Amino acid sequence: MSALSNVSVLVAAIGLQEVQSVLNAIHNADAYSAARLQTSADPIDSYCPRPALTPEPRYLPRQVIHPTPRYLPRPVLHPTPRTEPSPLPPPNLKADVPHITAGPQPPWKIQPWQEPPRPPDVIKVVVRPPDMLTKGSLIDLFI
């Protein structure tokens, strides 16, 4: 058992050296970054807000077009007409009386020969194939 205990002590010692070397690397990196921060131009305690970018507006308001005003002349209103009155037409001595019909005649006043002929009756013919296309081709066999 002594050989097995020597091996386990050896493995533990190698693991301890590995952990110590990782810790030394971490401490060296922290010391390097601390020394670099102290020599930088910016003091650590100062507050600087982040620079803000304000983009140009994407949607501009509509362009308003003002048309040039049109000045039309005012209508001229004359209180009295400026034309000579036209002569009156000659009087019409004979009056034409228009012929007025009183609508359709009652049925008892229309003579049979004055009545328009009726259109002839149209008989509707429906052509269909018979229901039984194979009528008479069925052979019954009763054995």
C-alpha atoms as a PDB file:
ATOM      1  CA  MET A   1       0.000   0.000   0.000  1.00  0.00           C
ATOM      2  CA  SER A   2       2.830   2.310   0.361  1.00  0.00           C
ATOM      3  CA  ALA A   3       3.263   2.525  -3.431  1.00  0.00           C
ATOM      4  CA  LEU A   4      -0.387   3.489  -3.853  1.00  0.00           C
ATOM      5  CA  SER A   5      -0.130   6.193  -1.185  1.00  0.00           C
ATOM      6  CA  ASN A   6       3.051   7.569  -2.806  1.00  0.00           C
ATOM      7  CA  VAL A   7       1.248   7.843  -6.141  1.00  0.00           C
ATOM      8  CA  SER A   8      -1.749   9.654  -4.623  1.00  0.00           C
ATOM      9  CA  VAL A   9       0.586  12.113  -2.831  1.00  0.00           C
ATOM     10  CA  LEU A  10       2.400  12.724  -6.102  1.00  0.00           C
ATOM     11  CA  VAL A  11      -0.882  13.369  -8.003  1.00  0.00           C
ATOM     12  CA  ALA A  12      -2.054  15.745  -5.235  1.00  0.00           C
ATOM     13  CA  ALA A  13       1.216  17.677  -5.396  1.00  0.00           C
ATOM     14  CA  ILE A  14       0.919  18.081  -9.190  1.00  0.00           C
ATOM     15  CA  GLY A  15      -2.699  19.290  -8.829  1.00  0.00           C
ATOM     16  CA  LEU A  16      -1.626  21.806  -6.161  1.00  0.00           C
ATOM     17  CA  GLN A  17       1.136  23.169  -8.405  1.00  0.00           C
ATOM     18  CA  GLU A  18      -1.362  23.520 -11.258  1.00  0.00           C
ATOM     19  CA  VAL A  19      -3.800  25.485  -9.087  1.00  0.00           C
ATOM     20  CA  GLN A  20      -1.033  27.713  -7.764  1.00  0.00           C
ATOM     21  CA  SER A  21       0.179  28.534 -11.271  1.00  0.00           C
ATOM     22  CA  VAL A  22      -3.379  29.480 -12.366  1.00  0.00           C
ATOM     23  CA  LEU A  23      -3.758  31.741  -9.284  1.00  0.00           C
ATOM     24  CA  ASN A  24      -0.407  33.404  -9.981  1.00  0.00           C
ATOM     25  CA  ALA A  25      -1.494  34.085 -13.583  1.00  0.00           C
ATOM     26  CA  ILE A  26      -4.741  35.681 -12.338  1.00  0.00           C
ATOM     27  CA  HIS A  27      -2.861  37.879  -9.844  1.00  0.00           C
ATOM     28  CA  ASN A  28      -0.367  38.964 -12.521  1.00  0.00           C
ATOM     29  CA  ALA A  29      -3.192  39.895 -14.935  1.00  0.00           C
ATOM     30  CA  ASP A  30      -4.954  41.928 -12.213  1.00  0.00           C
ATOM     31  CA  ALA A  31      -1.736  43.758 -11.307  1.00  0.00           C
ATOM     32  CA  TYR A  32      -1.052  44.576 -14.992  1.00  0.00           C
ATOM     33  CA  SER A  33      -4.539  45.966 -15.604  1.00  0.00           C
ATOM     34  CA  ALA A  34      -4.441  48.000 -12.326  1.00  0.00           C
ATOM     35  CA  ALA A  35      -1.109  49.550 -13.301  1.00  0.00           C
ATOM     36  CA  ARG A  36      -2.466  50.377 -16.762  1.00  0.00           C
ATOM     37  CA  LEU A  37      -5.612  52.041 -15.358  1.00  0.00           C
ATOM     38  CA  GLN A  38      -3.603  54.287 -13.009  1.00  0.00           C
ATOM     39  CA  THR A  39      -1.491  55.627 -15.857  1.00  0.00           C
ATOM     40  CA  SER A  40      -4.454  56.342 -18.156  1.00  0.00           C
ATOM     41  CA  ALA A  41      -5.549  59.944 -18.791  1.00  0.00           C
ATOM     42  CA  ASP A  42      -9.134  59.468 -17.563  1.00  0.00           C
ATOM     43  CA  PRO A  43      -9.590  59.548 -13.821  1.00  0.00           C
ATOM     44  CA  ILE A  44     -11.658  56.639 -12.529  1.00  0.00           C
ATOM     45  CA  ASP A  45     -13.942  58.767 -10.327  1.00  0.00           C
ATOM     46  CA  SER A  46     -15.269  61.030 -13.082  1.00  0.00           C
ATOM     47  CA  TYR A  47     -18.751  60.490 -14.601  1.00  0.00           C
ATOM     48  CA  CYS A  48     -19.103  60.868 -18.351  1.00  0.00           C
ATOM     49  CA  PRO A  49     -22.479  60.255 -19.923  1.00  0.00           C
ATOM     50  CA  ARG A  50     -22.559  58.186 -23.068  1.00  0.00           C
ATOM     51  CA  PRO A  51     -22.629  60.202 -26.258  1.00  0.00           C
ATOM     52  CA  ALA A  52     -26.156  60.233 -27.628  1.00  0.00           C
ATOM     53  CA  LEU A  53     -26.864  60.249 -31.337  1.00  0.00           C
ATOM     54  CA  THR A  54     -29.981  62.045 -32.498  1.00  0.00           C
ATOM     55  CA  PRO A  55     -30.835  60.878 -36.002  1.00  0.00           C
ATOM     56  CA  GLU A  56     -32.552  63.122 -38.490  1.00  0.00           C
ATOM     57  CA  PRO A  57     -36.311  62.663 -38.610  1.00  0.00           C
ATOM     58  CA  ARG A  58     -37.398  60.046 -41.102  1.00  0.00           C
ATOM     59  CA  TYR A  59     -40.901  61.355 -41.706  1.00  0.00           C
ATOM     60  CA  LEU A  60     -41.091  65.021 -42.526  1.00  0.00           C
ATOM     61  CA  PRO A  61     -44.406  66.907 -42.488  1.00  0.00           C
ATOM     62  CA  ARG A  62     -46.183  67.371 -45.781  1.00  0.00           C
ATOM     63  CA  GLN A  63     -45.188  70.264 -47.934  1.00  0.00           C
ATOM     64  CA  VAL A  64     -47.914  72.904 -48.041  1.00  0.00           C
ATOM     65  CA  ILE A  65     -48.398  74.610 -51.380  1.00  0.00           C
ATOM     66  CA  HIS A  66     -50.146  77.971 -51.285  1.00  0.00           C
ATOM     67  CA  PRO A  67     -51.401  78.846 -54.762  1.00  0.00           C
ATOM     68  CA  THR A  68     -51.248  82.389 -55.958  1.00  0.00           C
ATOM     69  CA  PRO A  69     -54.607  84.111 -55.479  1.00  0.00           C
ATOM     70  CA  ARG A  70     -56.690  84.849 -58.570  1.00  0.00           C
ATOM     71  CA  TYR A  71     -58.404  88.206 -58.628  1.00  0.00           C
ATOM     72  CA  LEU A  72     -61.402  88.049 -60.939  1.00  0.00           C
ATOM     73  CA  PRO A  73     -63.300  91.158 -62.016  1.00  0.00           C
ATOM     74  CA  ARG A  74     -66.534  91.865 -60.231  1.00  0.00           C
ATOM     75  CA  PRO A  75     -69.747  91.300 -62.161  1.00  0.00           C
ATOM     76  CA  VAL A  76     -71.290  94.532 -63.371  1.00  0.00           C
ATOM     77  CA  LEU A  77     -74.898  94.944 -62.284  1.00  0.00           C
ATOM     78  CA  HIS A  78     -76.937  97.528 -64.165  1.00  0.00           C
ATOM     79  CA  PRO A  79     -80.164  98.681 -62.547  1.00  0.00           C
ATOM     80  CA  THR A  80     -81.828  99.214 -65.939  1.00  0.00           C
ATOM     81  CA  PRO A  81     -81.294  97.143 -69.069  1.00  0.00           C
ATOM     82  CA  ARG A  82     -79.025  98.715 -71.670  1.00  0.00           C
ATOM     83  CA  THR A  83     -80.684  97.107 -74.693  1.00  0.00           C
ATOM     84  CA  GLU A  84     -83.594  98.335 -76.704  1.00  0.00           C
ATOM     85  CA  PRO A  85     -86.826  96.448 -76.089  1.00  0.00           C
ATOM     86  CA  SER A  86     -87.739  94.076 -78.910  1.00  0.00           C
ATOM     87  CA  PRO A  87     -91.120  94.598 -80.609  1.00  0.00           C
ATOM     88  CA  LEU A  88     -93.960  92.356 -79.463  1.00  0.00           C
ATOM     89  CA  PRO A  89     -94.911  89.476 -81.785  1.00  0.00           C
ATOM     90  CA  PRO A  90     -98.116  89.971 -83.795  1.00  0.00           C
ATOM     91  CA  PRO A  91    -101.194  88.557 -82.127  1.00  0.00           C
ATOM     92  CA  ASN A  92    -102.279  85.098 -83.356  1.00  0.00           C
ATOM     93  CA  LEU A  93    -105.955  85.240 -84.254  1.00  0.00           C
ATOM     94  CA  LYS A  94    -106.479  81.514 -84.808  1.00  0.00           C
ATOM     95  CA  ALA A  95    -105.898  79.297 -81.785  1.00  0.00           C
ATOM     96  CA  ASP A  96    -104.969  75.669 -82.408  1.00  0.00           C
ATOM     97  CA  VAL A  97    -106.702  73.280 -80.018  1.00  0.00           C
ATOM     98  CA  PRO A  98    -104.619  70.160 -79.468  1.00  0.00           C
ATOM     99  CA  HIS A  99    -106.314  66.753 -79.851  1.00  0.00           C
ATOM    100  CA  ILE A 100    -106.366  64.999 -76.496  1.00  0.00           C
ATOM    101  CA  THR A 101    -107.079  61.277 -76.196  1.00  0.00           C
ATOM    102  CA  ALA A 102    -108.636  59.983 -72.998  1.00  0.00           C
ATOM    103  CA  GLY A 103    -106.343  56.994 -72.550  1.00  0.00           C
ATOM    104  CA  PRO A 104    -107.116  53.391 -73.512  1.00  0.00           C
ATOM    105  CA  GLN A 105    -110.642  52.493 -74.641  1.00  0.00           C
ATOM    106  CA  PRO A 106    -112.836  50.312 -72.442  1.00  0.00           C
ATOM    107  CA  PRO A 107    -113.055  46.654 -73.510  1.00  0.00           C
ATOM    108  CA  TRP A 108    -116.754  46.863 -74.590  1.00  0.00           C
ATOM    109  CA  LYS A 109    -115.949  49.513 -77.175  1.00  0.00           C
ATOM    110  CA  ILE A 110    -113.211  47.491 -78.932  1.00  0.00           C
ATOM    111  CA  GLN A 111    -114.500  45.345 -81.803  1.00  0.00           C
ATOM    112  CA  PRO A 112    -113.074  41.806 -82.196  1.00  0.00           C
ATOM    113  CA  TRP A 113    -111.429  42.659 -85.548  1.00  0.00           C
ATOM    114  CA  GLN A 114    -109.702  45.673 -83.912  1.00  0.00           C
ATOM    115  CA  GLU A 115    -108.165  43.513 -81.161  1.00  0.00           C
ATOM    116  CA  PRO A 116    -104.543  42.510 -81.818  1.00  0.00           C
ATOM    117  CA  PRO A 117    -104.008  38.780 -82.487  1.00  0.00           C
ATOM    118  CA  ARG A 118    -102.757  36.619 -79.610  1.00  0.00           C
ATOM    119  CA  PRO A 119     -99.344  35.045 -80.000  1.00  0.00           C
ATOM    120  CA  PRO A 120     -99.518  31.289 -80.696  1.00  0.00           C
ATOM    121  CA  ASP A 121     -99.098  28.929 -77.753  1.00  0.00           C
ATOM    122  CA  VAL A 122     -95.656  27.336 -77.537  1.00  0.00           C
ATOM    123  CA  ILE A 123     -95.525  23.708 -76.387  1.00  0.00           C
ATOM    124  CA  LYS A 124     -92.435  22.902 -74.431  1.00  0.00           C
ATOM    125  CA  VAL A 125     -90.855  19.592 -75.466  1.00  0.00           C
ATOM    126  CA  VAL A 126     -88.322  18.024 -73.098  1.00  0.00           C
ATOM    127  CA  VAL A 127     -86.126  15.404 -74.747  1.00  0.00           C
ATOM    128  CA  ARG A 128     -84.799  12.883 -72.239  1.00  0.00           C
ATOM    129  CA  PRO A 129     -83.286   9.464 -72.699  1.00  0.00           C
ATOM    130  CA  PRO A 130     -85.417   6.598 -71.350  1.00  0.00           C
ATOM    131  CA  ASP A 131     -84.859   5.511 -67.763  1.00  0.00           C
ATOM    132  CA  MET A 132     -83.922   1.959 -68.668  1.00  0.00           C
ATOM    133  CA  LEU A 133     -81.255   1.994 -71.351  1.00  0.00           C
ATOM    134  CA  THR A 134     -80.920  -1.802 -71.449  1.00  0.00           C
ATOM    135  CA  LYS A 135     -84.625  -2.659 -71.356  1.00  0.00           C
ATOM    136  CA  GLY A 136     -85.250  -6.224 -72.455  1.00  0.00           C
ATOM    137  CA  SER A 137     -81.654  -7.381 -72.242  1.00  0.00           C
ATOM    138  CA  LEU A 138     -81.968  -8.905 -68.801  1.00  0.00           C
ATOM    139  CA  ILE A 139     -82.086 -12.689 -68.910  1.00  0.00           C
ATOM    140  CA  ASP A 140     -83.285 -14.406 -65.783  1.00  0.00           C
ATOM    141  CA  LEU A 141     -81.940 -17.838 -65.148  1.00  0.00           C
ATOM    142  CA  PHE A 142     -83.586 -19.835 -62.453  1.00  0.00           C
ATOM    143  CA  ILE A 143     -81.943 -23.200 -62.106  1.00  0.00           C
END
